[in-house]
Amino acid sequence: MKYCADCGSPVELRLPQDDNRERHVCTVCNTIHYQNPKLIIGAIPEWEDGRILLCRRAIEPRSGLWTLPAGFMENGETTMQAAARETLEEANARIEVLDLYEMYNLPYINQVQLLYRARLLDLDFSPGVESLEVELFGENDIPWDTLAFRPICYTLKHYFDDRRKGDFRFRSADLEKPLPQTTVCG
């Protein structure tokens, strides 16, 4: 950050009084600009036969790879609304959002990812502007080698395991920065 969003003056990193972190502080109006993690919200849209709707990304990062419909939460919406909106935007698919299923803390990229179980309401879906294609996949057909993100891989593995057991349970994990040679599902 270089300039104050309030008055346009330069900002500098300072430790505000009674704070424990450096923050961007305006050199003129003294506004403190807090920068906090972004919420990535998504859904696991399941059709009646157990297949899951995935989207092949048309945008960076990881363009051309497969993922669950997910994206940045917007101001003025709930996490459940964000999951439904992202699914509609990326796959033109309507869902009933069910329970929160997994949460991943990714401090190395300042993100928290929340993924909800969801029921696909019909088979009327198509790629949105951020997707090259969308498709329903059974567990044995998931393109495991071309999944875009680690939380998606982990979520799908847990989901199919829980589905076999008939017992879906909430999970939470902190993910460290992957090593350069690490694969998404490795």
Foldseek 3Di string as FASTA:
>chain_A
DAADPVPGAGWDWDADPPHDGTFTAHPPPRDTDDDAFWEKAEEFEAEPVGWTKWFQFCDDDLHRFIFGQIGTDDPPDDSQVRHQVSCCQAKVWGKAWDAWAEWEAEVVRRYIYTYTYIYTPDPPIFGHPGGPTMDTDHPVRPPLQRHRALVRLVRSVLVVVCVVVVHGDHYYYYDYDDDPVDGSND
